[in-house]
Amino acid sequence: MRVLGLDLGAKRIGVAVSDRSGTIASPLTVLQRTGDRTADHRAIARLVTEEEVERVVVGLPLSLDGSMGPAAQAAHAEAEEIGSVLDVPVETFDERLTTVTAERSMMQARMRAQARRRVVDKVAAAVMLQTWLDGRSVRDGGGGAS
């Protein structure tokens, strides 16, 4: 199963995609917010079609204690809006610390700050999606498509 992962930000949307077996997540692109949520959601819908994905997973920025603060509530509401325009299931998934993890890995790779800023959103989306894929594999009792 091919899955699209989204890291919704105020200025950018990080996008990652899994391989066709649903095993490995890779950064795909960063969509710049246009100020028009409908247009942003159409861009996501185009990616769903182009990448032939069967599910979309939206990162949910829960608080460190696991509660839904304002950012998580906003992401959840937008995930529902996205779900209303797509023909594939949309679900949310805990994305706590994915941006921190992405930043650290890029710093260890000695990537310059300016370069990190350009890609951190899609790398964070890939970290979140990979965690979802790994958890799905455990939940389903194996890997691959379900």
C-alpha atoms as a PDB file:
ATOM      1  CA  MET A   1       0.000   0.000   0.000  1.00  0.00           C
ATOM      2  CA  ARG A   2       1.404   3.381  -1.011  1.00  0.00           C
ATOM      3  CA  VAL A   3       0.864   6.050   1.662  1.00  0.00           C
ATOM      4  CA  LEU A   4       1.310   9.836   1.644  1.00  0.00           C
ATOM      5  CA  GLY A   5       2.449  11.527   4.870  1.00  0.00           C
ATOM      6  CA  LEU A   6       1.714  15.186   5.580  1.00  0.00           C
ATOM      7  CA  ASP A   7       3.354  17.526   8.082  1.00  0.00           C
ATOM      8  CA  LEU A   8       0.976  20.504   8.165  1.00  0.00           C
ATOM      9  CA  GLY A   9       2.641  23.793   9.000  1.00  0.00           C
ATOM     10  CA  ALA A  10       1.446  27.376   8.957  1.00  0.00           C
ATOM     11  CA  LYS A  11       3.714  28.320   6.021  1.00  0.00           C
ATOM     12  CA  ARG A  12       4.598  24.961   4.465  1.00  0.00           C
ATOM     13  CA  ILE A  13       3.286  21.408   4.162  1.00  0.00           C
ATOM     14  CA  GLY A  14       5.926  18.708   4.261  1.00  0.00           C
ATOM     15  CA  VAL A  15       5.079  15.705   2.113  1.00  0.00           C
ATOM     16  CA  ALA A  16       6.526  12.196   2.212  1.00  0.00           C
ATOM     17  CA  VAL A  17       5.525   9.031   0.386  1.00  0.00           C
ATOM     18  CA  SER A  18       6.049   5.347   1.006  1.00  0.00           C
ATOM     19  CA  ASP A  19       7.282   2.817  -1.482  1.00  0.00           C
ATOM     20  CA  ARG A  20       4.642   0.597  -3.093  1.00  0.00           C
ATOM     21  CA  SER A  21       5.096  -2.119  -0.471  1.00  0.00           C
ATOM     22  CA  GLY A  22       4.353   0.355   2.328  1.00  0.00           C
ATOM     23  CA  THR A  23       7.691  -0.338   3.992  1.00  0.00           C
ATOM     24  CA  ILE A  24       9.947   2.692   3.484  1.00  0.00           C
ATOM     25  CA  ALA A  25       9.028   6.389   3.686  1.00  0.00           C
ATOM     26  CA  SER A  26      10.918   9.003   1.677  1.00  0.00           C
ATOM     27  CA  PRO A  27      10.695  12.799   1.639  1.00  0.00           C
ATOM     28  CA  LEU A  28       8.793  13.924  -1.463  1.00  0.00           C
ATOM     29  CA  THR A  29       8.253  17.685  -1.547  1.00  0.00           C
ATOM     30  CA  VAL A  30       7.367  20.817   0.374  1.00  0.00           C
ATOM     31  CA  LEU A  31       4.209  22.673  -0.595  1.00  0.00           C
ATOM     32  CA  GLN A  32       4.223  26.382   0.154  1.00  0.00           C
ATOM     33  CA  ARG A  33       0.961  27.519   1.739  1.00  0.00           C
ATOM     34  CA  THR A  34      -0.924  29.797  -0.641  1.00  0.00           C
ATOM     35  CA  GLY A  35      -3.232  31.442   1.896  1.00  0.00           C
ATOM     36  CA  ASP A  36      -6.103  29.576   0.227  1.00  0.00           C
ATOM     37  CA  ARG A  37      -6.736  26.304   2.056  1.00  0.00           C
ATOM     38  CA  THR A  38      -8.896  24.974  -0.793  1.00  0.00           C
ATOM     39  CA  ALA A  39      -6.027  25.481  -3.246  1.00  0.00           C
ATOM     40  CA  ASP A  40      -3.618  23.823  -0.803  1.00  0.00           C
ATOM     41  CA  HIS A  41      -5.938  20.825  -0.508  1.00  0.00           C
ATOM     42  CA  ARG A  42      -6.238  20.608  -4.308  1.00  0.00           C
ATOM     43  CA  ALA A  43      -2.431  20.448  -4.493  1.00  0.00           C
ATOM     44  CA  ILE A  44      -2.498  17.559  -2.009  1.00  0.00           C
ATOM     45  CA  ALA A  45      -5.232  15.852  -4.059  1.00  0.00           C
ATOM     46  CA  ARG A  46      -3.022  16.151  -7.166  1.00  0.00           C
ATOM     47  CA  LEU A  47      -0.164  14.473  -5.305  1.00  0.00           C
ATOM     48  CA  VAL A  48      -2.482  11.674  -4.162  1.00  0.00           C
ATOM     49  CA  THR A  49      -3.390  11.038  -7.794  1.00  0.00           C
ATOM     50  CA  GLU A  50       0.147  11.438  -9.185  1.00  0.00           C
ATOM     51  CA  GLU A  51       1.715   9.190  -6.553  1.00  0.00           C
ATOM     52  CA  GLU A  52      -1.144   6.667  -6.691  1.00  0.00           C
ATOM     53  CA  VAL A  53      -1.507   6.565  -2.917  1.00  0.00           C
ATOM     54  CA  GLU A  54      -4.164   4.550  -1.110  1.00  0.00           C
ATOM     55  CA  ARG A  55      -4.072   6.380   2.234  1.00  0.00           C
ATOM     56  CA  VAL A  56      -2.993   9.736   3.664  1.00  0.00           C
ATOM     57  CA  VAL A  57      -1.531  10.082   7.150  1.00  0.00           C
ATOM     58  CA  VAL A  58      -1.525  13.582   8.649  1.00  0.00           C
ATOM     59  CA  GLY A  59       0.856  14.363  11.492  1.00  0.00           C
ATOM     60  CA  LEU A  60      -0.900  15.348  14.711  1.00  0.00           C
ATOM     61  CA  PRO A  61       1.293  17.619  16.865  1.00  0.00           C
ATOM     62  CA  LEU A  62       0.185  16.378  20.274  1.00  0.00           C
ATOM     63  CA  SER A  63       1.553  18.010  23.408  1.00  0.00           C
ATOM     64  CA  LEU A  64       4.387  16.177  25.152  1.00  0.00           C
ATOM     65  CA  ASP A  65       1.848  14.820  27.660  1.00  0.00           C
ATOM     66  CA  GLY A  66      -0.224  13.405  24.781  1.00  0.00           C
ATOM     67  CA  SER A  67      -3.045  15.939  24.990  1.00  0.00           C
ATOM     68  CA  MET A  68      -4.525  17.831  22.045  1.00  0.00           C
ATOM     69  CA  GLY A  69      -3.562  21.471  22.299  1.00  0.00           C
ATOM     70  CA  PRO A  70      -4.530  24.184  19.807  1.00  0.00           C
ATOM     71  CA  ALA A  71      -2.032  23.051  17.143  1.00  0.00           C
ATOM     72  CA  ALA A  72      -3.253  19.444  17.286  1.00  0.00           C
ATOM     73  CA  GLN A  73      -6.880  20.574  17.185  1.00  0.00           C
ATOM     74  CA  ALA A  74      -6.148  22.701  14.105  1.00  0.00           C
ATOM     75  CA  ALA A  75      -4.301  19.821  12.395  1.00  0.00           C
ATOM     76  CA  HIS A  76      -7.143  17.424  13.198  1.00  0.00           C
ATOM     77  CA  ALA A  77      -9.714  19.842  11.759  1.00  0.00           C
ATOM     78  CA  GLU A  78      -7.643  20.338   8.603  1.00  0.00           C
ATOM     79  CA  ALA A  79      -7.145  16.572   8.240  1.00  0.00           C
ATOM     80  CA  GLU A  80     -10.936  16.219   8.243  1.00  0.00           C
ATOM     81  CA  GLU A  81     -11.184  18.932   5.556  1.00  0.00           C
ATOM     82  CA  ILE A  82      -8.552  17.142   3.460  1.00  0.00           C
ATOM     83  CA  GLY A  83     -10.426  13.882   3.914  1.00  0.00           C
ATOM     84  CA  SER A  84     -13.580  15.465   2.515  1.00  0.00           C
ATOM     85  CA  VAL A  85     -11.864  16.192  -0.834  1.00  0.00           C
ATOM     86  CA  LEU A  86      -9.950  12.923  -1.279  1.00  0.00           C
ATOM     87  CA  ASP A  87     -11.144   9.524  -2.439  1.00  0.00           C
ATOM     88  CA  VAL A  88      -8.739   7.725  -0.074  1.00  0.00           C
ATOM     89  CA  PRO A  89      -8.847   7.343   3.708  1.00  0.00           C
ATOM     90  CA  VAL A  90      -7.198  10.093   5.755  1.00  0.00           C
ATOM     91  CA  GLU A  91      -6.048   9.515   9.308  1.00  0.00           C
ATOM     92  CA  THR A  92      -3.999  11.391  11.872  1.00  0.00           C
ATOM     93  CA  PHE A  93      -0.925  10.095  13.654  1.00  0.00           C
ATOM     94  CA  ASP A  94       1.144  11.394  16.571  1.00  0.00           C
ATOM     95  CA  GLU A  95       4.059  13.395  15.191  1.00  0.00           C
ATOM     96  CA  ARG A  96       5.637  14.530  18.462  1.00  0.00           C
ATOM     97  CA  LEU A  97       9.342  15.317  18.047  1.00  0.00           C
ATOM     98  CA  THR A  98       9.496  14.454  14.327  1.00  0.00           C
ATOM     99  CA  THR A  99      10.844  17.905  13.410  1.00  0.00           C
ATOM    100  CA  VAL A 100      13.435  17.638  16.190  1.00  0.00           C
ATOM    101  CA  THR A 101      14.461  14.188  14.922  1.00  0.00           C
ATOM    102  CA  ALA A 102      14.659  15.475  11.337  1.00  0.00           C
ATOM    103  CA  GLU A 103      16.750  18.503  12.371  1.00  0.00           C
ATOM    104  CA  ARG A 104      19.159  16.342  14.381  1.00  0.00           C
ATOM    105  CA  SER A 105      19.715  13.878  11.554  1.00  0.00           C
ATOM    106  CA  MET A 106      20.414  16.687   9.094  1.00  0.00           C
ATOM    107  CA  MET A 107      22.785  18.390  11.549  1.00  0.00           C
ATOM    108  CA  GLN A 108      24.658  15.102  11.994  1.00  0.00           C
ATOM    109  CA  ALA A 109      24.958  14.971   8.208  1.00  0.00           C
ATOM    110  CA  ARG A 110      26.538  18.453   8.458  1.00  0.00           C
ATOM    111  CA  MET A 111      23.820  20.039   6.351  1.00  0.00           C
ATOM    112  CA  ARG A 112      23.918  23.828   6.462  1.00  0.00           C
ATOM    113  CA  ALA A 113      21.118  25.707   8.219  1.00  0.00           C
ATOM    114  CA  GLN A 114      19.765  27.277   5.027  1.00  0.00           C
ATOM    115  CA  ALA A 115      19.601  23.886   3.297  1.00  0.00           C
ATOM    116  CA  ARG A 116      17.947  22.323   6.377  1.00  0.00           C
ATOM    117  CA  ARG A 117      15.220  24.970   6.391  1.00  0.00           C
ATOM    118  CA  ARG A 118      14.321  24.118   2.778  1.00  0.00           C
ATOM    119  CA  VAL A 119      13.813  20.403   3.466  1.00  0.00           C
ATOM    120  CA  VAL A 120      13.042  19.968   7.175  1.00  0.00           C
ATOM    121  CA  ASP A 121       9.273  19.802   6.599  1.00  0.00           C
ATOM    122  CA  LYS A 122       9.434  16.932   4.106  1.00  0.00           C
ATOM    123  CA  VAL A 123      12.037  15.112   6.205  1.00  0.00           C
ATOM    124  CA  ALA A 124       9.795  15.494   9.275  1.00  0.00           C
ATOM    125  CA  ALA A 125       6.892  14.116   7.209  1.00  0.00           C
ATOM    126  CA  ALA A 126       9.067  11.131   6.264  1.00  0.00           C
ATOM    127  CA  VAL A 127      10.041  10.515   9.916  1.00  0.00           C
ATOM    128  CA  MET A 128       6.369  10.609  10.924  1.00  0.00           C
ATOM    129  CA  LEU A 129       5.300   8.373   8.040  1.00  0.00           C
ATOM    130  CA  GLN A 130       8.083   5.872   8.712  1.00  0.00           C
ATOM    131  CA  THR A 131       6.971   5.628  12.348  1.00  0.00           C
ATOM    132  CA  TRP A 132       3.391   5.036  11.169  1.00  0.00           C
ATOM    133  CA  LEU A 133       4.538   2.376   8.689  1.00  0.00           C
ATOM    134  CA  ASP A 134       6.651   0.629  11.328  1.00  0.00           C
ATOM    135  CA  GLY A 135       3.740   0.649  13.769  1.00  0.00           C
ATOM    136  CA  ARG A 136       1.397  -0.678  11.101  1.00  0.00           C
ATOM    137  CA  SER A 137       3.776  -3.522  10.405  1.00  0.00           C
ATOM    138  CA  VAL A 138       3.802  -4.434  14.112  1.00  0.00           C
ATOM    139  CA  ARG A 139       0.003  -4.073  14.427  1.00  0.00           C
ATOM    140  CA  ASP A 140      -0.619  -6.186  11.313  1.00  0.00           C
ATOM    141  CA  GLY A 141       1.865  -8.852  12.360  1.00  0.00           C
ATOM    142  CA  GLY A 142       4.185  -8.341   9.419  1.00  0.00           C
ATOM    143  CA  GLY A 143       5.133  -5.920   6.691  1.00  0.00           C
ATOM    144  CA  GLY A 144       4.071  -5.162   3.187  1.00  0.00           C
ATOM    145  CA  ALA A 145       0.673  -4.310   1.828  1.00  0.00           C
ATOM    146  CA  SER A 146      -2.477  -4.989   3.750  1.00  0.00           C
END
